[in-house]
Amino acid sequence: MKEIVRYSHCFVCGEQNNSGLKARFFEENGEAITELTADRAFEGYQGIYHGGIISTLLDEIMIKAILAQGFYVVTAEMTVRYHRPVAIGEKMRFRGRITSRRGRLFNAEGEVVGSDGTPCASATGKYVEAKASLRSKLIGSIES
């Protein structure tokens, strides 16, 4: 497995973001994967991981699947479906993949399953390849 690049101050993957998740993403068989445990710091309702954090991680896993193929994209649209709550302390596994590409537009899907393998949430997204000026900015914020 090869680690996918990170952005220095990214809330999800940035090592320099003290408030962030510091998730590490890897490419495996053309997909992006990560695992992490639902931390109480991101609790919504008592004992339940915040759905917005799950949505954020699903967005990131789909972006990382595209980034692993060498394309720098931004989110255009995303739909999330929640299947069940995630308990604080539960280990989660995220997986993202590209489903299609047409010109600068990528379609992707992502999913998260709990430690017992049951689905927690799934998502689909549309991502647009960054134009040159934005691409330079994105590349400039990658961790060395």
C-alpha atoms as a PDB file:
ATOM      1  CA  MET A   1       0.000   0.000   0.000  1.00  0.00           C
ATOM      2  CA  LYS A   2       1.203   3.471  -0.877  1.00  0.00           C
ATOM      3  CA  GLU A   3       0.372   6.502   1.262  1.00  0.00           C
ATOM      4  CA  ILE A   4      -1.538   9.237  -0.557  1.00  0.00           C
ATOM      5  CA  VAL A   5      -0.173  12.791  -0.164  1.00  0.00           C
ATOM      6  CA  ARG A   6      -1.445  15.075   2.592  1.00  0.00           C
ATOM      7  CA  TYR A   7      -2.095  18.792   2.872  1.00  0.00           C
ATOM      8  CA  SER A   8      -0.233  20.485   5.741  1.00  0.00           C
ATOM      9  CA  HIS A   9      -3.147  22.207   7.492  1.00  0.00           C
ATOM     10  CA  CYS A  10      -6.049  20.112   6.211  1.00  0.00           C
ATOM     11  CA  PHE A  11      -8.630  19.394   8.916  1.00  0.00           C
ATOM     12  CA  VAL A  12      -8.821  15.752   7.837  1.00  0.00           C
ATOM     13  CA  CYS A  13      -5.256  14.757   6.907  1.00  0.00           C
ATOM     14  CA  GLY A  14      -2.957  17.602   7.936  1.00  0.00           C
ATOM     15  CA  GLU A  15      -0.262  16.777  10.442  1.00  0.00           C
ATOM     16  CA  GLN A  16       0.085  20.498  11.248  1.00  0.00           C
ATOM     17  CA  ASN A  17      -3.599  20.990  12.147  1.00  0.00           C
ATOM     18  CA  ASN A  18      -3.804  20.576  15.917  1.00  0.00           C
ATOM     19  CA  SER A  19      -7.618  20.485  15.840  1.00  0.00           C
ATOM     20  CA  GLY A  20      -7.788  17.999  12.975  1.00  0.00           C
ATOM     21  CA  LEU A  21      -8.282  14.280  12.542  1.00  0.00           C
ATOM     22  CA  LYS A  22      -4.745  13.577  11.226  1.00  0.00           C
ATOM     23  CA  ALA A  23      -6.063  10.646   9.168  1.00  0.00           C
ATOM     24  CA  ARG A  24      -3.632   8.818   6.901  1.00  0.00           C
ATOM     25  CA  PHE A  25      -4.859   7.585   3.527  1.00  0.00           C
ATOM     26  CA  PHE A  26      -3.480   4.746   1.440  1.00  0.00           C
ATOM     27  CA  GLU A  27      -4.027   3.458  -2.077  1.00  0.00           C
ATOM     28  CA  GLU A  28      -4.986  -0.195  -2.343  1.00  0.00           C
ATOM     29  CA  ASN A  29      -6.079  -1.817  -5.621  1.00  0.00           C
ATOM     30  CA  GLY A  30      -7.039   1.517  -7.175  1.00  0.00           C
ATOM     31  CA  GLU A  31      -9.046   2.648  -4.147  1.00  0.00           C
ATOM     32  CA  ALA A  32      -8.321   4.965  -1.240  1.00  0.00           C
ATOM     33  CA  ILE A  33      -8.630   3.573   2.275  1.00  0.00           C
ATOM     34  CA  THR A  34      -8.243   4.780   5.831  1.00  0.00           C
ATOM     35  CA  GLU A  35      -9.120   3.536   9.278  1.00  0.00           C
ATOM     36  CA  LEU A  36      -9.741   5.512  12.419  1.00  0.00           C
ATOM     37  CA  THR A  37     -11.550   5.341  15.707  1.00  0.00           C
ATOM     38  CA  ALA A  38     -14.506   7.582  16.540  1.00  0.00           C
ATOM     39  CA  ASP A  39     -12.980  10.054  18.999  1.00  0.00           C
ATOM     40  CA  ARG A  40     -15.067  11.729  21.710  1.00  0.00           C
ATOM     41  CA  ALA A  41     -13.618  15.100  20.616  1.00  0.00           C
ATOM     42  CA  PHE A  42     -15.967  14.829  17.608  1.00  0.00           C
ATOM     43  CA  GLU A  43     -19.051  13.635  19.424  1.00  0.00           C
ATOM     44  CA  GLY A  44     -22.491  14.851  18.316  1.00  0.00           C
ATOM     45  CA  TYR A  45     -25.231  13.391  20.443  1.00  0.00           C
ATOM     46  CA  GLN A  46     -23.983  11.740  23.620  1.00  0.00           C
ATOM     47  CA  GLY A  47     -21.941   8.669  22.734  1.00  0.00           C
ATOM     48  CA  ILE A  48     -22.419   9.135  18.967  1.00  0.00           C
ATOM     49  CA  TYR A  49     -19.803  10.345  16.473  1.00  0.00           C
ATOM     50  CA  HIS A  50     -20.921  13.520  14.683  1.00  0.00           C
ATOM     51  CA  GLY A  51     -22.493  12.858  11.270  1.00  0.00           C
ATOM     52  CA  GLY A  52     -20.809  15.935   9.819  1.00  0.00           C
ATOM     53  CA  ILE A  53     -17.401  14.440  10.572  1.00  0.00           C
ATOM     54  CA  ILE A  54     -18.424  11.212   8.839  1.00  0.00           C
ATOM     55  CA  SER A  55     -19.541  13.273   5.833  1.00  0.00           C
ATOM     56  CA  THR A  56     -16.230  15.141   5.840  1.00  0.00           C
ATOM     57  CA  LEU A  57     -14.293  11.861   5.889  1.00  0.00           C
ATOM     58  CA  LEU A  58     -16.396  10.459   3.031  1.00  0.00           C
ATOM     59  CA  ASP A  59     -15.654  13.568   0.962  1.00  0.00           C
ATOM     60  CA  GLU A  60     -11.954  13.205   1.698  1.00  0.00           C
ATOM     61  CA  ILE A  61     -11.829   9.477   0.874  1.00  0.00           C
ATOM     62  CA  MET A  62     -13.369  10.155  -2.542  1.00  0.00           C
ATOM     63  CA  ILE A  63     -10.980  13.050  -3.198  1.00  0.00           C
ATOM     64  CA  LYS A  64      -8.024  10.890  -2.125  1.00  0.00           C
ATOM     65  CA  ALA A  65      -9.097   8.152  -4.570  1.00  0.00           C
ATOM     66  CA  ILE A  66      -8.853  10.721  -7.367  1.00  0.00           C
ATOM     67  CA  LEU A  67      -5.672  12.318  -6.011  1.00  0.00           C
ATOM     68  CA  ALA A  68      -4.023   8.883  -5.916  1.00  0.00           C
ATOM     69  CA  GLN A  69      -4.420   8.817  -9.703  1.00  0.00           C
ATOM     70  CA  GLY A  70      -2.605  12.173  -9.991  1.00  0.00           C
ATOM     71  CA  PHE A  71      -5.601  14.491 -10.434  1.00  0.00           C
ATOM     72  CA  TYR A  72      -6.205  17.533  -8.217  1.00  0.00           C
ATOM     73  CA  VAL A  73      -9.917  18.131  -7.756  1.00  0.00           C
ATOM     74  CA  VAL A  74     -12.443  20.135  -5.761  1.00  0.00           C
ATOM     75  CA  THR A  75     -15.870  18.986  -4.632  1.00  0.00           C
ATOM     76  CA  ALA A  76     -18.780  20.042  -6.848  1.00  0.00           C
ATOM     77  CA  GLU A  77     -21.569  17.935  -5.321  1.00  0.00           C
ATOM     78  CA  MET A  78     -21.922  15.232  -2.708  1.00  0.00           C
ATOM     79  CA  THR A  79     -24.756  13.075  -1.390  1.00  0.00           C
ATOM     80  CA  VAL A  80     -24.459  11.141   1.865  1.00  0.00           C
ATOM     81  CA  ARG A  81     -26.695   8.384   3.147  1.00  0.00           C
ATOM     82  CA  TYR A  82     -26.413   7.430   6.807  1.00  0.00           C
ATOM     83  CA  HIS A  83     -27.193   3.788   7.590  1.00  0.00           C
ATOM     84  CA  ARG A  84     -26.617   3.691  11.345  1.00  0.00           C
ATOM     85  CA  PRO A  85     -24.991   5.732  14.135  1.00  0.00           C
ATOM     86  CA  VAL A  86     -21.303   5.276  14.920  1.00  0.00           C
ATOM     87  CA  ALA A  87     -20.543   4.869  18.614  1.00  0.00           C
ATOM     88  CA  ILE A  88     -17.710   6.801  20.215  1.00  0.00           C
ATOM     89  CA  GLY A  89     -14.740   4.437  20.430  1.00  0.00           C
ATOM     90  CA  GLU A  90     -15.822   2.386  17.411  1.00  0.00           C
ATOM     91  CA  LYS A  91     -13.190   1.644  14.772  1.00  0.00           C
ATOM     92  CA  MET A  92     -14.222   2.612  11.233  1.00  0.00           C
ATOM     93  CA  ARG A  93     -12.857   1.695   7.804  1.00  0.00           C
ATOM     94  CA  PHE A  94     -13.400   4.092   4.884  1.00  0.00           C
ATOM     95  CA  ARG A  95     -13.027   3.150   1.230  1.00  0.00           C
ATOM     96  CA  GLY A  96     -13.327   5.426  -1.840  1.00  0.00           C
ATOM     97  CA  ARG A  97     -13.156   4.838  -5.582  1.00  0.00           C
ATOM     98  CA  ILE A  98     -13.593   6.601  -8.902  1.00  0.00           C
ATOM     99  CA  THR A  99     -16.698   5.374 -10.722  1.00  0.00           C
ATOM    100  CA  SER A 100     -16.368   7.396 -13.936  1.00  0.00           C
ATOM    101  CA  ARG A 101     -14.675  10.336 -15.609  1.00  0.00           C
ATOM    102  CA  ARG A 102     -15.777  12.656 -18.376  1.00  0.00           C
ATOM    103  CA  GLY A 103     -13.350  15.447 -19.226  1.00  0.00           C
ATOM    104  CA  ARG A 104     -12.614  17.372 -16.006  1.00  0.00           C
ATOM    105  CA  LEU A 105     -15.531  15.790 -14.123  1.00  0.00           C
ATOM    106  CA  PHE A 106     -14.974  12.745 -11.896  1.00  0.00           C
ATOM    107  CA  ASN A 107     -17.710  10.718 -10.214  1.00  0.00           C
ATOM    108  CA  ALA A 108     -16.771   8.786  -7.110  1.00  0.00           C
ATOM    109  CA  GLU A 109     -18.296   6.761  -4.315  1.00  0.00           C
ATOM    110  CA  GLY A 110     -17.274   6.164  -0.746  1.00  0.00           C
ATOM    111  CA  GLU A 111     -18.364   4.042   2.152  1.00  0.00           C
ATOM    112  CA  VAL A 112     -17.630   3.542   5.812  1.00  0.00           C
ATOM    113  CA  VAL A 113     -18.138   0.315   7.709  1.00  0.00           C
ATOM    114  CA  GLY A 114     -17.874  -0.333  11.412  1.00  0.00           C
ATOM    115  CA  SER A 115     -15.606  -2.751  13.196  1.00  0.00           C
ATOM    116  CA  ASP A 116     -18.154  -5.541  12.675  1.00  0.00           C
ATOM    117  CA  GLY A 117     -18.315  -4.851   8.923  1.00  0.00           C
ATOM    118  CA  THR A 118     -21.794  -3.344   8.916  1.00  0.00           C
ATOM    119  CA  PRO A 119     -22.324  -0.217   6.780  1.00  0.00           C
ATOM    120  CA  CYS A 120     -22.430   3.080   8.681  1.00  0.00           C
ATOM    121  CA  ALA A 121     -22.733   5.511   5.750  1.00  0.00           C
ATOM    122  CA  SER A 122     -22.154   5.780   2.017  1.00  0.00           C
ATOM    123  CA  ALA A 123     -21.716   8.663  -0.390  1.00  0.00           C
ATOM    124  CA  THR A 124     -21.460   9.650  -4.007  1.00  0.00           C
ATOM    125  CA  GLY A 125     -19.731  12.746  -5.252  1.00  0.00           C
ATOM    126  CA  LYS A 126     -18.882  14.820  -8.291  1.00  0.00           C
ATOM    127  CA  TYR A 127     -15.434  16.380  -8.416  1.00  0.00           C
ATOM    128  CA  VAL A 128     -13.987  18.879 -10.878  1.00  0.00           C
ATOM    129  CA  GLU A 129     -10.333  18.881 -11.842  1.00  0.00           C
ATOM    130  CA  ALA A 130      -8.704  22.110 -10.688  1.00  0.00           C
ATOM    131  CA  LYS A 131      -7.598  24.617 -13.314  1.00  0.00           C
ATOM    132  CA  ALA A 132      -3.913  25.573 -13.458  1.00  0.00           C
ATOM    133  CA  SER A 133      -3.894  28.439 -10.923  1.00  0.00           C
ATOM    134  CA  LEU A 134      -5.834  26.503  -8.292  1.00  0.00           C
ATOM    135  CA  ARG A 135      -3.858  23.339  -9.033  1.00  0.00           C
ATOM    136  CA  SER A 136      -0.621  25.213  -8.244  1.00  0.00           C
ATOM    137  CA  LYS A 137      -2.081  26.343  -4.932  1.00  0.00           C
ATOM    138  CA  LEU A 138      -3.164  22.793  -4.058  1.00  0.00           C
ATOM    139  CA  ILE A 139       0.238  21.377  -4.927  1.00  0.00           C
ATOM    140  CA  GLY A 140       1.901  24.101  -2.841  1.00  0.00           C
ATOM    141  CA  SER A 141       0.129  22.973   0.304  1.00  0.00           C
ATOM    142  CA  ILE A 142       1.203  19.315   0.116  1.00  0.00           C
ATOM    143  CA  GLU A 143       3.318  18.073   3.014  1.00  0.00           C
ATOM    144  CA  SER A 144       6.880  17.101   2.117  1.00  0.00           C
END
